[in-house]
Amino acid sequence: MEVMYNNGNKMLWARCCPGLWYRKRLKMRILLIIFFLAVTFVSFSQTIFPGLSPKGRIEQKIGLTDISVDYERPAARGRKVFGELVKYDKLWRTGAGNCTKIGFSKAVVIGNKNISKGTYSIFTIPGRSEWTVILNKDTALYGVTSYDATKDIIRFKVKAHPTDRYYESLTIDIDIVPNNAIVYLSWENTQISFQVKTESDKLVNDFIQQYLLTDKSRNSDEYAAAAEYYYYLNKDLDRALVLIDKAIAMKSESWYYRQKIDILEMQKKYEEAIDCATLAISIDQKRTNWDSRTKQQSETEYKKRIEFFKRQKKTEKVRTKPSI
């Protein structure tokens, strides 16, 4: 076999031993096969052997704010957790492996302190009856050895409570209360919790004040949605009536009337609710895009509510009737 080497203008020819060339090729193939088998074995091993502390992730929208939690979930596996595996009065990474992280898409309030949007690590100092919860800027920590207290955003105390059931693995949950959240951390027979307040209510109220009550918006659904918002929170019902009336003045949607009736019922304004339901029946019967069956169902529903409101009126009269 001949191999040609180009060295500038010189042409050098060398004659190579064919056997040596094939042995080199064979050696290279063997090395590639060994490498492939090694990579395959590592991948296969990672697949068939599950982690002892699997990763967990929670994503939850609270009002207008997205909250996420990323953590590793150690298991008790027959061990005594708090007081032994996790020492009392010692800093804990609140998980296993990489630090537990909590993220907020908008600014929130925790423990009466404003927390800017972003992602933070969660550390805790467990106690028998009270824990310290810490949010820290450093989210790249593994364990607690490199923990820097000067990067703490907030420290606050929470009570530890016994749980109704046993938690084999560390479990973090997010419960939703109107526009806010409660974060629960549970393991073994112990649970702590803390509230996360969002700015959702303020943002909604600012929008209503700036755009709806000033009639800047021409979208009837926005007025109706704002009325519905107040209704479900059972607050500012007089303002809710103003908003739903603005929506009805723009557009005669069927659900707008239902929403107004719901608000009047909550205010116990039964006479006005009856008048609104009667008007809604008349309007629905004139809807050209409804078939007769839909019109009949709507009328039946409203008449049931009218009868209910009449009974409630009588009940209210009896309650308010002065005793002799």
Foldseek 3Di string as FASTA:
>chain_A
DKDWDDDPPDIDIDDDDPVVVVVVVVVVVVVVVVVVVVVVVVVVVPVPDDDQFQKDKDWDDQQNKIKMKIATKHFCVPHDPECPVQNAQDKWLLHAFFRIKMFMPAWKAWPNDIDGGGMWGWIKHHHPFKIKIWTFPDRGDTICPPPDPVRTPDIDMWTKDFAPDAARIWDWDWDYDHSKIKIWTDHGGIITITIIHDCNVVVLVVCCVPCPVVVNDLDLVNLQVSLVVCLVVVPPLVSSLVSLVVSCVNPPDLVSLVSNLSSCVSVLVLVVSLVSLVVSLVVLVPDPPDDPVVSVVSNVVSVVSNVVSVVSVVVVCVVPPDDD
